[in-house]
Amino acid sequence: MKLFKHIAILFALVLLVLTEVNAQKRKSLNLPEFDRRRFHFGFIIGCNSAHMELRRDGPASPTDSLHVIAVVPQTGFNLGIVSSLSLMENLKLRFVPSLSFAQRNLEYYFKRTDNVWVKEVKPVESTYVEFPLNLKLKSKRLNNFGAYLIGGANYSLDLIADENVDNLNKNRDDIVVKMKKNTISLEVGTGVDFYMEYFKFGIELKMSYTLENTHIQDNTIYSTPIQGLYPRMFLLSFTFEG
């Protein structure tokens, strides 16, 4: 998470510098008719930091051995296909079906009767097929540079979610934290476009927030203390559009 905060700050600084530089220089325009086209397509690649908001019950009693549950974000990657429809001069409707690989680790801290702390880690791995539909609000183009805001909704299907696994007859090491396969998230972000000679290159920073609880309660030692898990994802992406 700290890494992505630093990236966001750096992204904002680069955006300010590039805006100033492009505003002061007059350049020959690359792809002068690009934004007048009704449709255009491309692809997107990037990295993500997957997190979850954890809501939990407190210890059941003063003698409860579980004292802390922590969510530790992990880094993954995503790739997809960009399709864009021009609604008006500076407003685009963008559909980007994507494949995202993400992971969050749940760290459980138990205190034994001899006062020794024991940490147990339960990975929550996800392979999402995503179908985000976003509106892209573009700034006026400055030479071969432009900035934009983006927002919308995203339907995700987790291909490897352990929704139907039976944890009751498993050893403690084999128990998994069950998550729903289908989720809907809200997305918001910002980005910059660079009009190159033959294609448009973009850098985008986007945040995804799932509003519903995606945790499935099955009354295991790892599941019972959890009231809800709400996935969050930060994405740094690079787009190539022709």
Protein backbone atom coordinates (compact mmCIF):
# COMPACT_ATOMS: atom_id res chain seq x y z
CA MET A 1 0.00 0.00 0.00
CA LYS A 2 2.81 2.45 0.83
CA LEU A 3 4.40 1.73 -2.56
CA PHE A 4 1.22 2.74 -4.36
CA LYS A 5 0.92 5.93 -2.30
CA HIS A 6 4.43 6.90 -3.39
CA ILE A 7 3.54 6.05 -6.99
CA ALA A 8 0.40 8.23 -6.76
CA ILE A 9 2.43 11.20 -5.50
CA LEU A 10 5.04 10.71 -8.23
CA PHE A 11 2.26 10.38 -10.80
CA ALA A 12 0.76 13.72 -9.74
CA LEU A 13 4.15 15.47 -9.88
CA VAL A 14 4.89 14.08 -13.35
CA LEU A 15 1.45 15.19 -14.51
CA LEU A 16 2.08 18.77 -13.34
CA VAL A 17 5.51 18.94 -14.98
CA LEU A 18 4.31 17.51 -18.27
CA THR A 19 1.33 19.85 -18.37
CA GLU A 20 3.60 22.86 -17.87
CA VAL A 21 6.10 21.70 -20.48
CA ASN A 22 3.45 20.97 -23.08
CA ALA A 23 1.68 24.26 -22.42
CA GLN A 24 4.85 26.25 -23.11
CA LYS A 25 5.96 24.47 -26.27
CA ARG A 26 4.22 24.44 -29.61
CA LYS A 27 4.68 21.09 -31.33
CA SER A 28 3.50 19.41 -34.49
CA LEU A 29 0.51 17.24 -33.66
CA ASN A 30 0.75 13.47 -33.79
CA LEU A 31 -2.47 11.60 -34.69
CA PRO A 32 -4.45 14.83 -35.28
CA GLU A 33 -7.66 12.95 -36.17
CA PHE A 34 -7.47 10.39 -33.36
CA ASP A 35 -10.09 11.95 -31.06
CA ARG A 36 -12.53 12.53 -33.91
CA ARG A 37 -12.91 8.81 -34.54
CA ARG A 38 -16.11 7.17 -33.28
CA PHE A 39 -14.41 3.95 -32.15
CA HIS A 40 -10.88 2.92 -31.30
CA PHE A 41 -9.27 -0.10 -29.69
CA GLY A 42 -6.11 -1.15 -27.90
CA PHE A 43 -4.79 -3.13 -24.98
CA ILE A 44 -3.88 -2.48 -21.36
CA ILE A 45 -1.28 -4.00 -19.01
CA GLY A 46 -0.45 -3.09 -15.45
CA CYS A 47 0.13 -4.04 -11.84
CA ASN A 48 -2.20 -3.99 -8.88
CA SER A 49 -2.11 -3.89 -5.10
CA ALA A 50 -4.99 -5.93 -3.68
CA HIS A 51 -6.30 -5.07 -0.24
CA MET A 52 -9.45 -5.71 1.82
CA GLU A 53 -11.34 -3.74 4.42
CA LEU A 54 -11.79 -6.11 7.36
CA ARG A 55 -14.72 -5.86 9.76
CA ARG A 56 -14.51 -8.28 12.66
CA ASP A 57 -15.97 -9.19 15.99
CA GLY A 58 -13.83 -8.56 19.04
CA PRO A 59 -12.54 -11.43 21.14
CA ALA A 60 -15.40 -13.64 22.31
CA SER A 61 -14.01 -13.54 25.86
CA PRO A 62 -10.89 -12.33 27.71
CA THR A 63 -9.47 -15.82 27.28
CA ASP A 64 -9.98 -15.89 23.51
CA SER A 65 -6.66 -16.94 21.93
CA LEU A 66 -7.16 -14.89 18.73
CA HIS A 67 -6.16 -11.29 19.37
CA VAL A 68 -5.43 -9.76 15.94
CA ILE A 69 -6.37 -10.30 12.30
CA ALA A 70 -4.40 -8.22 9.79
CA VAL A 71 -4.87 -7.85 6.04
CA VAL A 72 -1.56 -7.65 4.17
CA PRO A 73 -1.80 -6.41 0.53
CA GLN A 74 0.07 -8.27 -2.19
CA THR A 75 1.11 -7.20 -5.68
CA GLY A 76 -0.39 -8.75 -8.81
CA PHE A 77 -0.87 -7.86 -12.45
CA ASN A 78 -3.65 -7.32 -14.96
CA LEU A 79 -4.10 -7.26 -18.72
CA GLY A 80 -7.04 -6.49 -20.96
CA ILE A 81 -8.49 -5.18 -24.21
CA VAL A 82 -9.55 -1.54 -24.58
CA SER A 83 -12.59 -0.55 -26.63
CA SER A 84 -13.68 3.09 -26.63
CA LEU A 85 -16.81 4.80 -27.96
CA SER A 86 -16.86 8.57 -28.44
CA LEU A 87 -20.05 10.07 -26.96
CA MET A 88 -18.98 13.69 -27.47
CA GLU A 89 -15.73 15.54 -28.05
CA ASN A 90 -14.29 15.09 -24.56
CA LEU A 91 -16.39 12.21 -23.24
CA LYS A 92 -15.74 8.55 -24.01
CA LEU A 93 -17.45 5.34 -22.97
CA ARG A 94 -14.78 2.72 -22.33
CA PHE A 95 -15.21 -1.04 -21.98
CA VAL A 96 -12.08 -2.95 -20.89
CA PRO A 97 -12.60 -6.72 -20.38
CA SER A 98 -9.60 -7.82 -18.35
CA LEU A 99 -7.90 -10.65 -16.54
CA SER A 100 -6.47 -9.75 -13.12
CA PHE A 101 -4.33 -11.85 -10.79
CA ALA A 102 -4.52 -10.67 -7.19
CA GLN A 103 -3.80 -11.85 -3.66
CA ARG A 104 -4.37 -10.67 -0.09
CA ASN A 105 -2.98 -12.41 2.98
CA LEU A 106 -4.94 -12.68 6.21
CA GLU A 107 -2.56 -12.89 9.17
CA TYR A 108 -3.99 -14.33 12.39
CA TYR A 109 -2.15 -13.75 15.67
CA PHE A 110 -2.95 -16.29 18.38
CA LYS A 111 -1.69 -16.17 21.95
CA ARG A 112 -1.06 -19.58 23.47
CA THR A 113 -1.59 -20.44 27.11
CA ASP A 114 2.18 -20.11 27.66
CA ASN A 115 1.96 -16.47 26.40
CA VAL A 116 3.79 -17.25 23.15
CA TRP A 117 2.42 -15.48 20.06
CA VAL A 118 1.78 -17.61 16.97
CA LYS A 119 1.14 -16.15 13.51
CA GLU A 120 -0.86 -18.09 10.92
CA VAL A 121 -1.26 -16.84 7.36
CA LYS A 122 -4.24 -17.59 5.13
CA PRO A 123 -3.73 -16.41 1.53
CA VAL A 124 -6.83 -15.23 -0.33
CA GLU A 125 -5.92 -15.65 -3.99
CA SER A 126 -8.09 -14.41 -6.86
CA THR A 127 -8.08 -14.66 -10.62
CA TYR A 128 -10.66 -12.18 -11.84
CA VAL A 129 -12.35 -11.96 -15.20
CA GLU A 130 -13.46 -8.33 -15.13
CA PHE A 131 -15.94 -6.33 -17.20
CA PRO A 132 -15.50 -2.64 -16.28
CA LEU A 133 -17.65 0.00 -17.98
CA ASN A 134 -16.24 3.48 -17.43
CA LEU A 135 -16.84 7.05 -18.53
CA LYS A 136 -13.65 8.87 -19.52
CA LEU A 137 -13.73 12.67 -19.24
CA LYS A 138 -10.84 14.17 -21.19
CA SER A 139 -9.18 17.54 -20.88
CA LYS A 140 -8.53 19.71 -23.90
CA ARG A 141 -5.52 18.37 -25.75
CA LEU A 142 -2.26 20.29 -25.26
CA ASN A 143 0.01 19.53 -28.19
CA ASN A 144 0.60 15.76 -27.87
CA PHE A 145 -0.55 15.49 -24.27
CA GLY A 146 -3.89 15.17 -22.49
CA ALA A 147 -5.21 14.32 -19.04
CA TYR A 148 -8.44 12.65 -18.00
CA LEU A 149 -10.66 11.45 -15.19
CA ILE A 150 -12.35 8.07 -15.27
CA GLY A 151 -15.11 6.42 -13.27
CA GLY A 152 -17.71 3.70 -13.47
CA ALA A 153 -18.56 0.20 -12.33
CA ASN A 154 -16.94 -3.21 -12.70
CA TYR A 155 -18.45 -6.70 -12.60
CA SER A 156 -15.89 -9.36 -11.60
CA LEU A 157 -15.98 -13.14 -11.67
CA ASP A 158 -13.35 -14.83 -9.49
CA LEU A 159 -12.41 -18.03 -11.29
CA ILE A 160 -10.66 -19.62 -8.31
CA ALA A 161 -12.88 -18.46 -5.42
CA ASP A 162 -13.37 -21.26 -2.89
CA GLU A 163 -17.09 -20.61 -2.63
CA ASN A 164 -18.25 -24.22 -2.27
CA VAL A 165 -15.29 -25.84 -0.51
CA ASP A 166 -16.07 -27.94 2.59
CA ASN A 167 -13.83 -26.82 5.44
CA LEU A 168 -15.46 -28.83 8.21
CA ASN A 169 -13.48 -32.03 7.68
CA LYS A 170 -10.12 -30.46 6.89
CA ASN A 171 -6.96 -30.12 8.91
CA ARG A 172 -6.29 -26.65 10.29
CA ASP A 173 -3.53 -26.00 7.74
CA ASP A 174 -5.88 -26.84 4.85
CA ILE A 175 -8.80 -24.61 5.89
CA VAL A 176 -9.40 -21.71 3.49
CA VAL A 177 -11.24 -18.41 3.91
CA LYS A 178 -14.23 -18.64 1.59
CA MET A 179 -15.08 -15.76 -0.75
CA LYS A 180 -17.89 -15.07 -3.22
CA LYS A 181 -17.25 -15.56 -6.91
CA ASN A 182 -19.32 -12.62 -8.18
CA THR A 183 -18.73 -9.02 -7.12
CA ILE A 184 -19.58 -5.53 -8.33
CA SER A 185 -17.21 -2.63 -7.64
CA LEU A 186 -17.11 1.10 -8.14
CA GLU A 187 -14.06 2.56 -9.86
CA VAL A 188 -12.50 6.01 -9.99
CA GLY A 189 -9.17 7.17 -11.34
CA THR A 190 -7.09 9.58 -13.36
CA GLY A 191 -4.62 9.30 -16.18
CA VAL A 192 -2.56 10.99 -18.89
CA ASP A 193 -2.38 10.32 -22.62
CA PHE A 194 0.64 10.82 -24.87
CA TYR A 195 -0.04 11.02 -28.61
CA MET A 196 2.85 9.22 -30.24
CA GLU A 197 3.57 9.03 -33.96
CA TYR A 198 1.69 5.77 -34.55
CA PHE A 199 -0.37 5.15 -31.37
CA LYS A 200 -1.60 6.75 -28.16
CA PHE A 201 0.16 5.75 -24.94
CA GLY A 202 -1.53 6.25 -21.59
CA ILE A 203 -0.64 5.97 -17.90
CA GLU A 204 -3.55 5.43 -15.54
CA LEU A 205 -3.98 5.16 -11.76
CA LYS A 206 -7.33 3.72 -10.67
CA MET A 207 -8.96 2.60 -7.42
CA SER A 208 -11.64 -0.08 -7.18
CA TYR A 209 -14.01 -0.40 -4.20
CA THR A 210 -16.34 -3.35 -3.61
CA LEU A 211 -19.31 -2.22 -1.54
CA GLU A 212 -20.71 -5.63 -0.57
CA ASN A 213 -19.33 -8.16 1.88
CA THR A 214 -17.65 -10.92 -0.16
CA HIS A 215 -16.82 -13.20 2.77
CA ILE A 216 -18.74 -16.46 3.19
CA GLN A 217 -19.24 -17.42 6.82
CA ASP A 218 -18.76 -21.15 7.49
CA ASN A 219 -17.95 -21.04 11.23
CA THR A 220 -14.33 -22.19 11.12
CA ILE A 221 -11.72 -20.82 13.52
CA TYR A 222 -10.59 -18.41 10.78
CA SER A 223 -14.04 -17.41 9.58
CA THR A 224 -16.07 -16.96 12.77
CA PRO A 225 -14.33 -13.73 13.95
CA ILE A 226 -14.93 -12.02 10.59
CA GLN A 227 -18.02 -9.87 10.09
CA GLY A 228 -17.13 -8.81 6.59
CA LEU A 229 -14.42 -8.54 3.94
CA TYR A 230 -14.66 -5.75 1.37
CA PRO A 231 -12.08 -5.97 -1.44
CA ARG A 232 -10.13 -2.89 -2.51
CA MET A 233 -7.70 -2.68 -5.40
CA PHE A 234 -5.26 -0.05 -6.64
CA LEU A 235 -4.20 -0.37 -10.27
CA LEU A 236 -1.35 1.26 -12.16
CA SER A 237 -1.95 0.59 -15.85
CA PHE A 238 -0.40 1.37 -19.21
CA THR A 239 -2.62 1.64 -22.30
CA PHE A 240 -1.72 1.37 -25.98
CA GLU A 241 -4.46 2.52 -28.36
CA GLY A 242 -4.46 2.77 -32.12
